[in-house]
Amino acid sequence: TPKTKLIILCTPCNPTGSVYTPEDLKALA
């Protein structure tokens, strides 16, 4: 939204252990 300042992204992730692939990150970027 217009109020968004930050996104916090953790990969590999605590608590799940999930890993964003290069393709995942490209889509988010």
PDB file of all heavy atoms in Angstrom:
ATOM      1  N   THR A   1       0.852  -1.185   0.000  1.00  0.00           N
ATOM      2  CA  THR A   1       0.000   0.000   0.000  1.00  0.00           C
ATOM      3  C   THR A   1       0.893   1.242   0.000  1.00  0.00           C
ATOM      4  O   THR A   1       2.124   1.127   0.122  1.00  0.00           O
ATOM      5  CB  THR A   1      -0.898   0.040   1.259  1.00  0.00           C
ATOM      6  OG1 THR A   1      -0.089   0.407   2.392  1.00  0.00           O
ATOM      7  CG2 THR A   1      -1.573  -1.301   1.525  1.00  0.00           C
ATOM      8  N   PRO A   2       0.302   2.438  -0.107  1.00  0.00           N
ATOM      9  CA  PRO A   2       1.126   3.658  -0.026  1.00  0.00           C
ATOM     10  C   PRO A   2       1.869   3.794   1.298  1.00  0.00           C
ATOM     11  O   PRO A   2       2.831   4.563   1.382  1.00  0.00           O
ATOM     12  CB  PRO A   2       0.085   4.775  -0.186  1.00  0.00           C
ATOM     13  CG  PRO A   2      -1.003   4.160  -1.009  1.00  0.00           C
ATOM     14  CD  PRO A   2      -1.087   2.738  -0.527  1.00  0.00           C
ATOM     15  N   LYS A   3       1.457   3.041   2.337  1.00  0.00           N
ATOM     16  CA  LYS A   3       2.124   3.105   3.634  1.00  0.00           C
ATOM     17  C   LYS A   3       3.262   2.093   3.778  1.00  0.00           C
ATOM     18  O   LYS A   3       3.980   2.112   4.775  1.00  0.00           O
ATOM     19  CB  LYS A   3       1.112   2.870   4.758  1.00  0.00           C
ATOM     20  CG  LYS A   3       0.073   3.966   4.901  1.00  0.00           C
ATOM     21  CD  LYS A   3      -0.838   3.696   6.090  1.00  0.00           C
ATOM     22  CE  LYS A   3      -1.847   4.810   6.284  1.00  0.00           C
ATOM     23  NZ  LYS A   3      -2.725   4.551   7.467  1.00  0.00           N
ATOM     24  N   THR A   4       3.433   1.221   2.796  1.00  0.00           N
ATOM     25  CA  THR A   4       4.460   0.179   2.908  1.00  0.00           C
ATOM     26  C   THR A   4       5.856   0.784   2.846  1.00  0.00           C
ATOM     27  O   THR A   4       6.187   1.528   1.923  1.00  0.00           O
ATOM     28  CB  THR A   4       4.312  -0.867   1.783  1.00  0.00           C
ATOM     29  OG1 THR A   4       3.002  -1.428   1.831  1.00  0.00           O
ATOM     30  CG2 THR A   4       5.344  -1.970   1.937  1.00  0.00           C
ATOM     31  N   LYS A   5       6.682   0.437   3.830  1.00  0.00           N
ATOM     32  CA  LYS A   5       8.064   0.924   3.858  1.00  0.00           C
ATOM     33  C   LYS A   5       9.063  -0.204   3.695  1.00  0.00           C
ATOM     34  O   LYS A   5      10.094  -0.050   3.033  1.00  0.00           O
ATOM     35  CB  LYS A   5       8.332   1.642   5.190  1.00  0.00           C
ATOM     36  CG  LYS A   5       9.682   2.364   5.267  1.00  0.00           C
ATOM     37  CD  LYS A   5       9.791   3.428   4.189  1.00  0.00           C
ATOM     38  CE  LYS A   5      11.045   4.271   4.319  1.00  0.00           C
ATOM     39  NZ  LYS A   5      10.955   5.253   5.424  1.00  0.00           N
ATOM     40  N   LEU A   6       8.779  -1.355   4.314  1.00  0.00           N
ATOM     41  CA  LEU A   6       9.735  -2.456   4.329  1.00  0.00           C
ATOM     42  C   LEU A   6       9.038  -3.788   4.079  1.00  0.00           C
ATOM     43  O   LEU A   6       7.850  -3.958   4.370  1.00  0.00           O
ATOM     44  CB  LEU A   6      10.419  -2.548   5.701  1.00  0.00           C
ATOM     45  CG  LEU A   6      11.663  -1.723   5.989  1.00  0.00           C
ATOM     46  CD1 LEU A   6      12.062  -1.905   7.450  1.00  0.00           C
ATOM     47  CD2 LEU A   6      12.816  -2.133   5.079  1.00  0.00           C
ATOM     48  N   ILE A   7       9.818  -4.713   3.557  1.00  0.00           N
ATOM     49  CA  ILE A   7       9.452  -6.129   3.493  1.00  0.00           C
ATOM     50  C   ILE A   7      10.587  -6.891   4.162  1.00  0.00           C
ATOM     51  O   ILE A   7      11.759  -6.649   3.867  1.00  0.00           O
ATOM     52  CB  ILE A   7       9.287  -6.607   2.040  1.00  0.00           C
ATOM     53  CG1 ILE A   7       8.189  -5.803   1.331  1.00  0.00           C
ATOM     54  CG2 ILE A   7       8.984  -8.100   1.983  1.00  0.00           C
ATOM     55  CD1 ILE A   7       8.293  -5.852  -0.179  1.00  0.00           C
ATOM     56  N   ILE A   8      10.248  -7.779   5.091  1.00  0.00           N
ATOM     57  CA  ILE A   8      11.279  -8.600   5.734  1.00  0.00           C
ATOM     58  C   ILE A   8      11.206  -9.999   5.147  1.00  0.00           C
ATOM     59  O   ILE A   8      10.179 -10.682   5.260  1.00  0.00           O
ATOM     60  CB  ILE A   8      11.098  -8.644   7.263  1.00  0.00           C
ATOM     61  CG1 ILE A   8      11.142  -7.230   7.855  1.00  0.00           C
ATOM     62  CG2 ILE A   8      12.194  -9.512   7.889  1.00  0.00           C
ATOM     63  CD1 ILE A   8      10.992  -7.180   9.364  1.00  0.00           C
ATOM     64  N   LEU A   9      12.280 -10.409   4.509  1.00  0.00           N
ATOM     65  CA  LEU A   9      12.328 -11.709   3.838  1.00  0.00           C
ATOM     66  C   LEU A   9      13.454 -12.535   4.444  1.00  0.00           C
ATOM     67  O   LEU A   9      14.594 -12.072   4.543  1.00  0.00           O
ATOM     68  CB  LEU A   9      12.570 -11.496   2.345  1.00  0.00           C
ATOM     69  CG  LEU A   9      12.335 -12.693   1.424  1.00  0.00           C
ATOM     70  CD1 LEU A   9      10.857 -13.098   1.420  1.00  0.00           C
ATOM     71  CD2 LEU A   9      12.792 -12.362   0.011  1.00  0.00           C
ATOM     72  N   CYS A  10      13.132 -13.751   4.852  1.00  0.00           N
ATOM     73  CA  CYS A  10      14.121 -14.641   5.462  1.00  0.00           C
ATOM     74  C   CYS A  10      14.216 -15.915   4.646  1.00  0.00           C
ATOM     75  O   CYS A  10      13.237 -16.656   4.522  1.00  0.00           O
ATOM     76  CB  CYS A  10      13.714 -14.961   6.900  1.00  0.00           C
ATOM     77  SG  CYS A  10      14.866 -16.044   7.780  1.00  0.00           S
ATOM     78  N   THR A  11      15.381 -16.175   4.072  1.00  0.00           N
ATOM     79  CA  THR A  11      15.573 -17.389   3.289  1.00  0.00           C
ATOM     80  C   THR A  11      17.029 -17.829   3.365  1.00  0.00           C
ATOM     81  O   THR A  11      17.919 -17.005   3.137  1.00  0.00           O
ATOM     82  CB  THR A  11      15.141 -17.189   1.814  1.00  0.00           C
ATOM     83  OG1 THR A  11      15.377 -18.403   1.074  1.00  0.00           O
ATOM     84  CG2 THR A  11      15.856 -16.044   1.130  1.00  0.00           C
ATOM     85  N   PRO A  12      17.282 -19.098   3.727  1.00  0.00           N
ATOM     86  CA  PRO A  12      16.376 -20.094   4.285  1.00  0.00           C
ATOM     87  C   PRO A  12      15.650 -19.549   5.515  1.00  0.00           C
ATOM     88  O   PRO A  12      16.187 -18.724   6.242  1.00  0.00           O
ATOM     89  CB  PRO A  12      17.285 -21.259   4.647  1.00  0.00           C
ATOM     90  CG  PRO A  12      18.462 -21.127   3.715  1.00  0.00           C
ATOM     91  CD  PRO A  12      18.660 -19.645   3.599  1.00  0.00           C
ATOM     92  N   CYS A  13      14.447 -20.046   5.721  1.00  0.00           N
ATOM     93  CA  CYS A  13      13.532 -19.412   6.656  1.00  0.00           C
ATOM     94  C   CYS A  13      13.526 -20.072   8.031  1.00  0.00           C
ATOM     95  O   CYS A  13      13.547 -21.290   8.152  1.00  0.00           O
ATOM     96  CB  CYS A  13      12.118 -19.452   6.070  1.00  0.00           C
ATOM     97  SG  CYS A  13      10.855 -18.759   7.147  1.00  0.00           S
ATOM     98  N   ASN A  14      13.479 -19.234   9.041  1.00  0.00           N
ATOM     99  CA  ASN A  14      13.125 -19.636  10.396  1.00  0.00           C
ATOM    100  C   ASN A  14      11.692 -19.139  10.597  1.00  0.00           C
ATOM    101  O   ASN A  14      11.447 -17.935  10.458  1.00  0.00           O
ATOM    102  CB  ASN A  14      14.064 -18.967  11.397  1.00  0.00           C
ATOM    103  CG  ASN A  14      13.682 -19.206  12.848  1.00  0.00           C
ATOM    104  OD1 ASN A  14      12.795 -19.976  13.164  1.00  0.00           O
ATOM    105  ND2 ASN A  14      14.367 -18.514  13.740  1.00  0.00           N
ATOM    106  N   PRO A  15      10.701 -20.019  10.812  1.00  0.00           N
ATOM    107  CA  PRO A  15      10.796 -21.348  11.425  1.00  0.00           C
ATOM    108  C   PRO A  15      10.612 -22.540  10.493  1.00  0.00           C
ATOM    109  O   PRO A  15      10.560 -23.675  10.957  1.00  0.00           O
ATOM    110  CB  PRO A  15       9.600 -21.309  12.389  1.00  0.00           C
ATOM    111  CG  PRO A  15       8.558 -20.554  11.610  1.00  0.00           C
ATOM    112  CD  PRO A  15       9.314 -19.505  10.857  1.00  0.00           C
ATOM    113  N   THR A  16      10.484 -22.321   9.182  1.00  0.00           N
ATOM    114  CA  THR A  16      10.019 -23.407   8.305  1.00  0.00           C
ATOM    115  C   THR A  16      11.123 -24.164   7.592  1.00  0.00           C
ATOM    116  O   THR A  16      10.917 -25.293   7.152  1.00  0.00           O
ATOM    117  CB  THR A  16       9.070 -22.851   7.238  1.00  0.00           C
ATOM    118  OG1 THR A  16       9.813 -21.987   6.358  1.00  0.00           O
ATOM    119  CG2 THR A  16       7.931 -22.069   7.876  1.00  0.00           C
ATOM    120  N   GLY A  17      12.283 -23.535   7.407  1.00  0.00           N
ATOM    121  CA  GLY A  17      13.336 -24.149   6.613  1.00  0.00           C
ATOM    122  C   GLY A  17      13.121 -24.006   5.116  1.00  0.00           C
ATOM    123  O   GLY A  17      13.915 -24.514   4.322  1.00  0.00           O
ATOM    124  N   SER A  18      12.062 -23.303   4.711  1.00  0.00           N
ATOM    125  CA  SER A  18      11.800 -23.133   3.278  1.00  0.00           C
ATOM    126  C   SER A  18      12.830 -22.192   2.656  1.00  0.00           C
ATOM    127  O   SER A  18      13.335 -21.276   3.314  1.00  0.00           O
ATOM    128  CB  SER A  18      10.392 -22.584   3.056  1.00  0.00           C
ATOM    129  OG  SER A  18       9.425 -23.530   3.456  1.00  0.00           O
ATOM    130  N   VAL A  19      13.104 -22.426   1.382  1.00  0.00           N
ATOM    131  CA  VAL A  19      14.097 -21.641   0.659  1.00  0.00           C
ATOM    132  C   VAL A  19      13.453 -21.058  -0.599  1.00  0.00           C
ATOM    133  O   VAL A  19      12.869 -21.792  -1.400  1.00  0.00           O
ATOM    134  CB  VAL A  19      15.317 -22.501   0.270  1.00  0.00           C
ATOM    135  CG1 VAL A  19      16.295 -21.695  -0.577  1.00  0.00           C
ATOM    136  CG2 VAL A  19      16.016 -23.035   1.517  1.00  0.00           C
ATOM    137  N   TYR A  20      13.552 -19.754  -0.756  1.00  0.00           N
ATOM    138  CA  TYR A  20      13.074 -19.115  -1.980  1.00  0.00           C
ATOM    139  C   TYR A  20      14.083 -19.376  -3.102  1.00  0.00           C
ATOM    140  O   TYR A  20      15.264 -19.081  -2.951  1.00  0.00           O
ATOM    141  CB  TYR A  20      12.902 -17.613  -1.774  1.00  0.00           C
ATOM    142  CG  TYR A  20      11.659 -17.239  -0.986  1.00  0.00           C
ATOM    143  CD1 TYR A  20      11.649 -17.284   0.408  1.00  0.00           C
ATOM    144  CD2 TYR A  20      10.495 -16.847  -1.644  1.00  0.00           C
ATOM    145  CE1 TYR A  20      10.516 -16.948   1.130  1.00  0.00           C
ATOM    146  CE2 TYR A  20       9.356 -16.504  -0.926  1.00  0.00           C
ATOM    147  CZ  TYR A  20       9.363 -16.557   0.458  1.00  0.00           C
ATOM    148  OH  TYR A  20       8.233 -16.234   1.174  1.00  0.00           O
ATOM    149  N   THR A  21      13.615 -19.942  -4.198  1.00  0.00           N
ATOM    150  CA  THR A  21      14.492 -20.224  -5.338  1.00  0.00           C
ATOM    151  C   THR A  21      14.821 -18.924  -6.061  1.00  0.00           C
ATOM    152  O   THR A  21      14.153 -17.896  -5.854  1.00  0.00           O
ATOM    153  CB  THR A  21      13.803 -21.173  -6.328  1.00  0.00           C
ATOM    154  OG1 THR A  21      12.669 -20.485  -6.915  1.00  0.00           O
ATOM    155  CG2 THR A  21      13.325 -22.445  -5.635  1.00  0.00           C
ATOM    156  N   PRO A  22      15.832 -18.938  -6.936  1.00  0.00           N
ATOM    157  CA  PRO A  22      16.092 -17.740  -7.741  1.00  0.00           C
ATOM    158  C   PRO A  22      14.861 -17.266  -8.504  1.00  0.00           C
ATOM    159  O   PRO A  22      14.624 -16.057  -8.610  1.00  0.00           O
ATOM    160  CB  PRO A  22      17.209 -18.202  -8.686  1.00  0.00           C
ATOM    161  CG  PRO A  22      17.941 -19.244  -7.899  1.00  0.00           C
ATOM    162  CD  PRO A  22      16.874 -19.971  -7.131  1.00  0.00           C
ATOM    163  N   GLU A  23      14.061 -18.206  -8.995  1.00  0.00           N
ATOM    164  CA  GLU A  23      12.847 -17.837  -9.729  1.00  0.00           C
ATOM    165  C   GLU A  23      11.832 -17.172  -8.794  1.00  0.00           C
ATOM    166  O   GLU A  23      11.171 -16.195  -9.174  1.00  0.00           O
ATOM    167  CB  GLU A  23      12.226 -19.071 -10.387  1.00  0.00           C
ATOM    168  CG  GLU A  23      13.037 -19.650 -11.538  1.00  0.00           C
ATOM    169  CD  GLU A  23      14.321 -20.322 -11.085  1.00  0.00           C
ATOM    170  OE1 GLU A  23      14.365 -20.829  -9.927  1.00  0.00           O
ATOM    171  OE2 GLU A  23      15.300 -20.321 -11.870  1.00  0.00           O
ATOM    172  N   ASP A  24      11.701 -17.705  -7.573  1.00  0.00           N
ATOM    173  CA  ASP A  24      10.810 -17.091  -6.584  1.00  0.00           C
ATOM    174  C   ASP A  24      11.224 -15.647  -6.310  1.00  0.00           C
ATOM    175  O   ASP A  24      10.384 -14.736  -6.274  1.00  0.00           O
ATOM    176  CB  ASP A  24      10.850 -17.865  -5.255  1.00  0.00           C
ATOM    177  CG  ASP A  24      10.296 -19.272  -5.341  1.00  0.00           C
ATOM    178  OD1 ASP A  24       9.408 -19.515  -6.179  1.00  0.00           O
ATOM    179  OD2 ASP A  24      10.758 -20.124  -4.548  1.00  0.00           O
ATOM    180  N   LEU A  25      12.516 -15.447  -6.093  1.00  0.00           N
ATOM    181  CA  LEU A  25      13.017 -14.117  -5.747  1.00  0.00           C
ATOM    182  C   LEU A  25      12.880 -13.148  -6.920  1.00  0.00           C
ATOM    183  O   LEU A  25      12.566 -11.962  -6.720  1.00  0.00           O
ATOM    184  CB  LEU A  25      14.474 -14.207  -5.302  1.00  0.00           C
ATOM    185  CG  LEU A  25      14.717 -14.956  -3.987  1.00  0.00           C
ATOM    186  CD1 LEU A  25      16.209 -15.053  -3.694  1.00  0.00           C
ATOM    187  CD2 LEU A  25      14.000 -14.275  -2.820  1.00  0.00           C
ATOM    188  N   LYS A  26      13.107 -13.628  -8.130  1.00  0.00           N
ATOM    189  CA  LYS A  26      12.946 -12.765  -9.303  1.00  0.00           C
ATOM    190  C   LYS A  26      11.515 -12.262  -9.414  1.00  0.00           C
ATOM    191  O   LYS A  26      11.270 -11.086  -9.734  1.00  0.00           O
ATOM    192  CB  LYS A  26      13.355 -13.518 -10.573  1.00  0.00           C
ATOM    193  CG  LYS A  26      14.855 -13.739 -10.699  1.00  0.00           C
ATOM    194  CD  LYS A  26      15.187 -14.638 -11.886  1.00  0.00           C
ATOM    195  CE  LYS A  26      16.682 -14.962 -11.920  1.00  0.00           C
ATOM    196  NZ  LYS A  26      17.009 -15.938 -12.991  1.00  0.00           N
ATOM    197  N   ALA A  27      10.554 -13.144  -9.148  1.00  0.00           N
ATOM    198  CA  ALA A  27       9.148 -12.754  -9.222  1.00  0.00           C
ATOM    199  C   ALA A  27       8.820 -11.698  -8.168  1.00  0.00           C
ATOM    200  O   ALA A  27       8.101 -10.725  -8.440  1.00  0.00           O
ATOM    201  CB  ALA A  27       8.255 -13.983  -9.053  1.00  0.00           C
ATOM    202  N   LEU A  28       9.354 -11.869  -6.944  1.00  0.00           N
ATOM    203  CA  LEU A  28       9.122 -10.886  -5.889  1.00  0.00           C
ATOM    204  C   LEU A  28       9.808  -9.567  -6.218  1.00  0.00           C
ATOM    205  O   LEU A  28       9.240  -8.483  -6.006  1.00  0.00           O
ATOM    206  CB  LEU A  28       9.630 -11.426  -4.550  1.00  0.00           C
ATOM    207  CG  LEU A  28       8.938 -12.677  -3.995  1.00  0.00           C
ATOM    208  CD1 LEU A  28       9.582 -13.089  -2.675  1.00  0.00           C
ATOM    209  CD2 LEU A  28       7.441 -12.469  -3.812  1.00  0.00           C
ATOM    210  N   ALA A  29      11.024  -9.646  -6.751  1.00  0.00           N
ATOM    211  CA  ALA A  29      11.774  -8.428  -7.075  1.00  0.00           C
ATOM    212  C   ALA A  29      11.066  -7.607  -8.147  1.00  0.00           C
ATOM    213  O   ALA A  29      11.063  -6.369  -8.103  1.00  0.00           O
ATOM    214  CB  ALA A  29      13.184  -8.782  -7.524  1.00  0.00           C
TER     215      ALA A  29
END
